[in-house]
Amino acid sequence: MDIGTREPTFTVSEAAHQVGLTTHTLRWYEQEGLVAPVGRDSAGRRRYTRQDVDWLLLLTRLRRTGMPVRDMRRYVELARQGDGTLGARRALFEEHRVRVLHRMAELEEDLKVLDFKIDHYRRAELGEFD
């Protein structure tokens, strides 16, 4: 696909920087089919649109929240099928949300342990246990 619009576009490096990925990882997302084929300029270089970058931002957030790549692939497949899959996409996100909330609760408990140990060592340094 050739980019022939006046819409601002971004190089691989610029797009990667905007979404917090390396260029290697961004290309991996493309190879895995998580990103639709990216437009190219007249020299054949990839040019990402704002819509491409927004899609990548969603994918990176899903990944950052621990969504498995297989679920990301499923989401991409469903999204490409159109509005007939809205319910399935919602269900996929609801299931993932439950996992995220569970992980957040685990992290809260882990943080309590860290806070306890920090307080313990701070008090020990001040000689409160002598």
N, C-alpha and C. Protein backbone atom coordinates (compact mmCIF):
# COMPACT_ATOMS: atom_id res chain seq x y z
N MET A 1 0.86 -1.16 0.00
CA MET A 1 0.00 0.00 0.00
C MET A 1 0.91 1.22 0.00
N ASP A 2 0.62 2.18 -0.84
CA ASP A 2 1.42 3.38 -0.97
C ASP A 2 0.71 4.52 -0.25
N ILE A 3 1.46 5.26 0.55
CA ILE A 3 0.89 6.39 1.26
C ILE A 3 0.81 7.57 0.29
N GLY A 4 -0.39 8.00 -0.01
CA GLY A 4 -0.55 9.11 -0.92
C GLY A 4 -1.42 10.19 -0.32
N THR A 5 -1.65 10.16 0.97
CA THR A 5 -2.51 11.14 1.62
C THR A 5 -1.68 12.27 2.18
N ARG A 6 -2.35 13.29 2.61
CA ARG A 6 -1.66 14.42 3.24
C ARG A 6 -1.63 14.28 4.76
N GLU A 7 -2.16 13.18 5.24
CA GLU A 7 -2.15 12.91 6.67
C GLU A 7 -0.71 12.75 7.14
N PRO A 8 -0.37 13.34 8.29
CA PRO A 8 1.00 13.17 8.80
C PRO A 8 1.30 11.69 9.03
N THR A 9 2.49 11.28 8.69
CA THR A 9 2.91 9.90 8.91
C THR A 9 4.21 9.88 9.69
N PHE A 10 4.56 8.68 10.16
CA PHE A 10 5.73 8.53 11.03
C PHE A 10 6.61 7.41 10.51
N THR A 11 7.91 7.58 10.68
CA THR A 11 8.85 6.53 10.33
C THR A 11 8.73 5.40 11.36
N VAL A 12 9.39 4.29 11.09
CA VAL A 12 9.42 3.18 12.05
C VAL A 12 9.96 3.67 13.39
N SER A 13 11.04 4.40 13.36
CA SER A 13 11.64 4.89 14.61
C SER A 13 10.71 5.83 15.36
N GLU A 14 10.06 6.74 14.63
CA GLU A 14 9.14 7.68 15.27
C GLU A 14 7.95 6.95 15.88
N ALA A 15 7.39 6.02 15.14
CA ALA A 15 6.24 5.26 15.65
C ALA A 15 6.65 4.43 16.86
N ALA A 16 7.79 3.78 16.78
CA ALA A 16 8.27 2.97 17.90
C ALA A 16 8.45 3.83 19.14
N HIS A 17 9.02 5.00 18.96
CA HIS A 17 9.24 5.91 20.10
C HIS A 17 7.90 6.33 20.72
N GLN A 18 6.92 6.64 19.88
CA GLN A 18 5.61 7.08 20.39
C GLN A 18 4.91 6.02 21.21
N VAL A 19 5.11 4.76 20.87
CA VAL A 19 4.41 3.70 21.59
C VAL A 19 5.29 2.98 22.61
N GLY A 20 6.55 3.38 22.70
CA GLY A 20 7.43 2.80 23.71
C GLY A 20 7.95 1.41 23.36
N LEU A 21 8.12 1.14 22.08
CA LEU A 21 8.67 -0.14 21.63
C LEU A 21 9.99 0.10 20.92
N THR A 22 10.76 -0.96 20.79
CA THR A 22 11.93 -0.88 19.92
C THR A 22 11.44 -1.06 18.49
N THR A 23 12.24 -0.65 17.54
CA THR A 23 11.84 -0.87 16.14
C THR A 23 11.75 -2.36 15.84
N HIS A 24 12.62 -3.14 16.47
CA HIS A 24 12.58 -4.60 16.28
C HIS A 24 11.24 -5.16 16.76
N THR A 25 10.79 -4.74 17.94
CA THR A 25 9.53 -5.24 18.48
C THR A 25 8.35 -4.76 17.64
N LEU A 26 8.42 -3.52 17.18
CA LEU A 26 7.35 -3.02 16.33
C LEU A 26 7.25 -3.86 15.06
N ARG A 27 8.36 -4.20 14.46
CA ARG A 27 8.34 -5.05 13.26
C ARG A 27 7.82 -6.45 13.60
N TRP A 28 8.13 -6.93 14.81
CA TRP A 28 7.63 -8.24 15.25
C TRP A 28 6.10 -8.21 15.31
N TYR A 29 5.54 -7.12 15.83
CA TYR A 29 4.08 -6.99 15.88
C TYR A 29 3.50 -7.11 14.47
N GLU A 30 4.18 -6.48 13.51
CA GLU A 30 3.72 -6.58 12.12
C GLU A 30 3.83 -8.01 11.61
N GLN A 31 4.95 -8.65 11.85
CA GLN A 31 5.17 -10.02 11.37
C GLN A 31 4.15 -10.98 11.97
N GLU A 32 3.75 -10.73 13.19
CA GLU A 32 2.78 -11.58 13.87
C GLU A 32 1.35 -11.32 13.41
N GLY A 33 1.18 -10.33 12.55
CA GLY A 33 -0.15 -10.01 12.05
C GLY A 33 -1.00 -9.19 13.00
N LEU A 34 -0.37 -8.63 14.03
CA LEU A 34 -1.12 -7.83 14.98
C LEU A 34 -1.40 -6.43 14.45
N VAL A 35 -0.65 -6.04 13.44
CA VAL A 35 -0.80 -4.73 12.82
C VAL A 35 -1.11 -4.96 11.35
N ALA A 36 -2.08 -4.23 10.84
CA ALA A 36 -2.39 -4.32 9.41
C ALA A 36 -1.17 -3.86 8.62
N PRO A 37 -1.06 -4.31 7.39
CA PRO A 37 0.08 -3.86 6.58
C PRO A 37 0.20 -2.34 6.59
N VAL A 38 1.39 -1.88 6.85
CA VAL A 38 1.66 -0.45 7.00
C VAL A 38 1.96 0.14 5.64
N GLY A 39 1.48 1.36 5.43
CA GLY A 39 1.73 2.05 4.16
C GLY A 39 3.22 2.32 3.97
N ARG A 40 3.55 2.62 2.75
CA ARG A 40 4.96 2.89 2.40
C ARG A 40 5.03 4.17 1.59
N ASP A 41 6.17 4.83 1.71
CA ASP A 41 6.37 6.03 0.91
C ASP A 41 6.90 5.63 -0.47
N SER A 42 7.20 6.61 -1.29
CA SER A 42 7.62 6.33 -2.66
C SER A 42 8.95 5.57 -2.72
N ALA A 43 9.72 5.62 -1.66
CA ALA A 43 10.99 4.89 -1.60
C ALA A 43 10.81 3.50 -0.98
N GLY A 44 9.57 3.15 -0.62
CA GLY A 44 9.31 1.83 -0.06
C GLY A 44 9.50 1.72 1.44
N ARG A 45 9.74 2.85 2.10
CA ARG A 45 9.92 2.84 3.56
C ARG A 45 8.57 2.88 4.26
N ARG A 46 8.46 2.15 5.37
CA ARG A 46 7.22 2.14 6.14
C ARG A 46 6.90 3.55 6.63
N ARG A 47 5.62 3.88 6.55
CA ARG A 47 5.12 5.14 7.09
C ARG A 47 3.85 4.83 7.87
N TYR A 48 3.87 5.11 9.15
CA TYR A 48 2.76 4.82 10.05
C TYR A 48 1.85 6.03 10.14
N THR A 49 0.55 5.80 10.07
CA THR A 49 -0.43 6.87 10.25
C THR A 49 -0.74 7.02 11.74
N ARG A 50 -1.47 8.07 12.08
CA ARG A 50 -1.93 8.26 13.47
C ARG A 50 -2.78 7.06 13.88
N GLN A 51 -3.61 6.56 12.98
CA GLN A 51 -4.45 5.39 13.28
C GLN A 51 -3.57 4.16 13.56
N ASP A 52 -2.50 3.97 12.81
CA ASP A 52 -1.58 2.87 13.07
C ASP A 52 -0.96 3.00 14.47
N VAL A 53 -0.54 4.20 14.80
CA VAL A 53 0.09 4.45 16.10
C VAL A 53 -0.92 4.22 17.23
N ASP A 54 -2.15 4.68 17.05
CA ASP A 54 -3.18 4.47 18.07
C ASP A 54 -3.44 2.97 18.27
N TRP A 55 -3.47 2.21 17.19
CA TRP A 55 -3.65 0.77 17.27
C TRP A 55 -2.49 0.14 18.04
N LEU A 56 -1.29 0.57 17.74
CA LEU A 56 -0.11 0.05 18.44
C LEU A 56 -0.16 0.41 19.93
N LEU A 57 -0.64 1.60 20.24
CA LEU A 57 -0.77 1.98 21.66
C LEU A 57 -1.72 1.05 22.39
N LEU A 58 -2.84 0.71 21.74
CA LEU A 58 -3.77 -0.24 22.36
C LEU A 58 -3.09 -1.59 22.57
N LEU A 59 -2.41 -2.08 21.55
CA LEU A 59 -1.74 -3.38 21.67
C LEU A 59 -0.69 -3.37 22.76
N THR A 60 0.08 -2.29 22.86
CA THR A 60 1.11 -2.24 23.90
C THR A 60 0.49 -2.19 25.29
N ARG A 61 -0.64 -1.55 25.41
CA ARG A 61 -1.31 -1.52 26.72
C ARG A 61 -1.87 -2.89 27.07
N LEU A 62 -2.42 -3.57 26.08
CA LEU A 62 -2.90 -4.93 26.33
C LEU A 62 -1.75 -5.81 26.77
N ARG A 63 -0.62 -5.68 26.10
CA ARG A 63 0.55 -6.50 26.43
C ARG A 63 1.07 -6.13 27.82
N ARG A 64 1.14 -4.82 28.09
CA ARG A 64 1.64 -4.35 29.38
C ARG A 64 0.78 -4.84 30.54
N THR A 65 -0.51 -5.03 30.28
CA THR A 65 -1.39 -5.55 31.33
C THR A 65 -1.37 -7.06 31.39
N GLY A 66 -0.50 -7.67 30.60
CA GLY A 66 -0.32 -9.11 30.69
C GLY A 66 -1.18 -9.94 29.76
N MET A 67 -1.84 -9.30 28.79
CA MET A 67 -2.64 -10.10 27.86
C MET A 67 -1.71 -10.99 27.04
N PRO A 68 -2.00 -12.29 27.01
CA PRO A 68 -1.18 -13.19 26.20
C PRO A 68 -1.28 -12.83 24.72
N VAL A 69 -0.21 -13.07 23.99
CA VAL A 69 -0.19 -12.76 22.56
C VAL A 69 -1.30 -13.51 21.83
N ARG A 70 -1.61 -14.74 22.26
CA ARG A 70 -2.69 -15.49 21.59
C ARG A 70 -4.02 -14.76 21.72
N ASP A 71 -4.28 -14.12 22.88
CA ASP A 71 -5.51 -13.36 23.06
C ASP A 71 -5.47 -12.07 22.23
N MET A 72 -4.29 -11.48 22.11
CA MET A 72 -4.16 -10.30 21.27
C MET A 72 -4.45 -10.67 19.81
N ARG A 73 -3.94 -11.81 19.39
CA ARG A 73 -4.22 -12.27 18.02
C ARG A 73 -5.72 -12.48 17.82
N ARG A 74 -6.35 -13.08 18.81
CA ARG A 74 -7.80 -13.31 18.74
C ARG A 74 -8.54 -11.99 18.63
N TYR A 75 -8.14 -11.01 19.42
CA TYR A 75 -8.77 -9.70 19.37
C TYR A 75 -8.61 -9.08 17.98
N VAL A 76 -7.40 -9.16 17.44
CA VAL A 76 -7.14 -8.60 16.11
C VAL A 76 -8.03 -9.29 15.07
N GLU A 77 -8.12 -10.61 15.15
CA GLU A 77 -8.98 -11.35 14.21
C GLU A 77 -10.43 -10.87 14.32
N LEU A 78 -10.91 -10.75 15.54
CA LEU A 78 -12.29 -10.31 15.75
C LEU A 78 -12.50 -8.89 15.23
N ALA A 79 -11.57 -8.00 15.52
CA ALA A 79 -11.70 -6.60 15.09
C ALA A 79 -11.74 -6.52 13.57
N ARG A 80 -10.96 -7.33 12.92
CA ARG A 80 -10.92 -7.30 11.45
C ARG A 80 -12.21 -7.85 10.84
N GLN A 81 -12.97 -8.61 11.60
CA GLN A 81 -14.23 -9.17 11.10
C GLN A 81 -15.37 -8.16 11.16
N GLY A 82 -15.18 -7.09 11.89
CA GLY A 82 -16.19 -6.03 11.91
C GLY A 82 -17.12 -6.07 13.11
N ASP A 83 -18.17 -5.27 13.00
CA ASP A 83 -19.09 -5.05 14.13
C ASP A 83 -19.84 -6.29 14.58
N GLY A 84 -19.89 -7.32 13.77
CA GLY A 84 -20.56 -8.54 14.17
C GLY A 84 -19.86 -9.25 15.32
N THR A 85 -18.65 -8.79 15.65
CA THR A 85 -17.88 -9.42 16.73
C THR A 85 -17.76 -8.54 17.97
N LEU A 86 -18.56 -7.50 18.05
CA LEU A 86 -18.46 -6.58 19.20
C LEU A 86 -18.62 -7.32 20.52
N GLY A 87 -19.60 -8.20 20.60
CA GLY A 87 -19.83 -8.94 21.84
C GLY A 87 -18.66 -9.83 22.21
N ALA A 88 -18.07 -10.48 21.23
CA ALA A 88 -16.92 -11.35 21.49
C ALA A 88 -15.71 -10.52 21.92
N ARG A 89 -15.55 -9.34 21.33
CA ARG A 89 -14.42 -8.47 21.74
C ARG A 89 -14.63 -7.97 23.17
N ARG A 90 -15.88 -7.58 23.47
CA ARG A 90 -16.18 -7.13 24.83
C ARG A 90 -15.89 -8.25 25.82
N ALA A 91 -16.34 -9.47 25.51
CA ALA A 91 -16.12 -10.61 26.41
C ALA A 91 -14.64 -10.88 26.60
N LEU A 92 -13.87 -10.77 25.54
CA LEU A 92 -12.42 -10.97 25.64
C LEU A 92 -11.81 -9.94 26.60
N PHE A 93 -12.22 -8.69 26.46
CA PHE A 93 -11.71 -7.64 27.34
C PHE A 93 -12.20 -7.83 28.78
N GLU A 94 -13.45 -8.27 28.95
CA GLU A 94 -13.96 -8.50 30.31
C GLU A 94 -13.17 -9.61 31.00
N GLU A 95 -12.88 -10.67 30.28
CA GLU A 95 -12.09 -11.76 30.86
C GLU A 95 -10.69 -11.27 31.23
N HIS A 96 -10.12 -10.47 30.36
CA HIS A 96 -8.78 -9.95 30.65
C HIS A 96 -8.83 -8.98 31.83
N ARG A 97 -9.88 -8.20 31.92
CA ARG A 97 -10.03 -7.26 33.03
C ARG A 97 -10.03 -8.00 34.37
N VAL A 98 -10.70 -9.13 34.44
CA VAL A 98 -10.72 -9.93 35.66
C VAL A 98 -9.29 -10.36 36.02
N ARG A 99 -8.53 -10.79 35.02
CA ARG A 99 -7.14 -11.19 35.28
C ARG A 99 -6.30 -10.01 35.76
N VAL A 100 -6.53 -8.84 35.16
CA VAL A 100 -5.78 -7.64 35.57
C VAL A 100 -6.13 -7.27 37.00
N LEU A 101 -7.41 -7.31 37.35
CA LEU A 101 -7.80 -6.98 38.73
C LEU A 101 -7.21 -7.97 39.73
N HIS A 102 -7.17 -9.23 39.35
CA HIS A 102 -6.56 -10.24 40.21
C HIS A 102 -5.08 -9.95 40.40
N ARG A 103 -4.40 -9.62 39.32
CA ARG A 103 -2.97 -9.32 39.40
C ARG A 103 -2.73 -8.06 40.24
N MET A 104 -3.60 -7.07 40.10
CA MET A 104 -3.47 -5.85 40.90
C MET A 104 -3.61 -6.17 42.38
N ALA A 105 -4.54 -7.05 42.73
CA ALA A 105 -4.72 -7.44 44.13
C ALA A 105 -3.47 -8.15 44.64
N GLU A 106 -2.89 -9.01 43.81
CA GLU A 106 -1.65 -9.68 44.19
C GLU A 106 -0.53 -8.66 44.40
N LEU A 107 -0.44 -7.69 43.52
CA LEU A 107 0.60 -6.67 43.65
C LEU A 107 0.40 -5.82 44.90
N GLU A 108 -0.85 -5.54 45.25
CA GLU A 108 -1.13 -4.79 46.48
C GLU A 108 -0.61 -5.56 47.70
N GLU A 109 -0.84 -6.86 47.72
CA GLU A 109 -0.33 -7.69 48.82
C GLU A 109 1.20 -7.70 48.83
N ASP A 110 1.80 -7.82 47.67
CA ASP A 110 3.26 -7.80 47.57
C ASP A 110 3.81 -6.46 48.06
N LEU A 111 3.12 -5.37 47.71
CA LEU A 111 3.55 -4.05 48.14
C LEU A 111 3.49 -3.91 49.66
N LYS A 112 2.48 -4.49 50.28
CA LYS A 112 2.39 -4.46 51.74
C LYS A 112 3.60 -5.13 52.38
N VAL A 113 4.03 -6.24 51.81
CA VAL A 113 5.21 -6.93 52.33
C VAL A 113 6.45 -6.06 52.18
N LEU A 114 6.60 -5.44 51.02
CA LEU A 114 7.74 -4.55 50.81
C LEU A 114 7.72 -3.39 51.80
N ASP A 115 6.55 -2.79 51.99
CA ASP A 115 6.44 -1.68 52.93
C ASP A 115 6.80 -2.12 54.35
N PHE A 116 6.35 -3.29 54.73
CA PHE A 116 6.67 -3.83 56.05
C PHE A 116 8.18 -3.98 56.21
N LYS A 117 8.83 -4.58 55.21
CA LYS A 117 10.28 -4.80 55.29
C LYS A 117 11.04 -3.48 55.28
N ILE A 118 10.61 -2.53 54.48
CA ILE A 118 11.26 -1.21 54.46
C ILE A 118 11.16 -0.57 55.82
N ASP A 119 9.98 -0.60 56.41
CA ASP A 119 9.79 -0.03 57.74
C ASP A 119 10.64 -0.76 58.78
N HIS A 120 10.68 -2.07 58.68
CA HIS A 120 11.49 -2.87 59.61
C HIS A 120 12.97 -2.46 59.53
N TYR A 121 13.51 -2.37 58.33
CA TYR A 121 14.93 -2.02 58.18
C TYR A 121 15.19 -0.58 58.58
N ARG A 122 14.28 0.32 58.30
CA ARG A 122 14.44 1.72 58.69
C ARG A 122 14.51 1.82 60.22
N ARG A 123 13.60 1.10 60.88
CA ARG A 123 13.59 1.12 62.35
C ARG A 123 14.86 0.47 62.91
N ALA A 124 15.31 -0.59 62.26
CA ALA A 124 16.55 -1.26 62.72
C ALA A 124 17.74 -0.33 62.56
N GLU A 125 17.80 0.44 61.48
CA GLU A 125 18.90 1.38 61.26
C GLU A 125 18.89 2.47 62.32
N LEU A 126 17.72 2.82 62.81
CA LEU A 126 17.61 3.87 63.83
C LEU A 126 17.83 3.32 65.25
N GLY A 127 18.07 2.01 65.31
CA GLY A 127 18.33 1.39 66.60
C GLY A 127 17.11 1.18 67.47
N GLU A 128 15.96 1.11 66.86
CA GLU A 128 14.73 0.95 67.63
C GLU A 128 14.57 -0.45 68.20
N PHE A 129 15.43 -1.39 67.83
CA PHE A 129 15.29 -2.77 68.31
C PHE A 129 16.32 -3.11 69.38
N ASP A 130 17.09 -2.13 69.81
CA ASP A 130 18.12 -2.40 70.84
C ASP A 130 17.51 -2.59 72.19
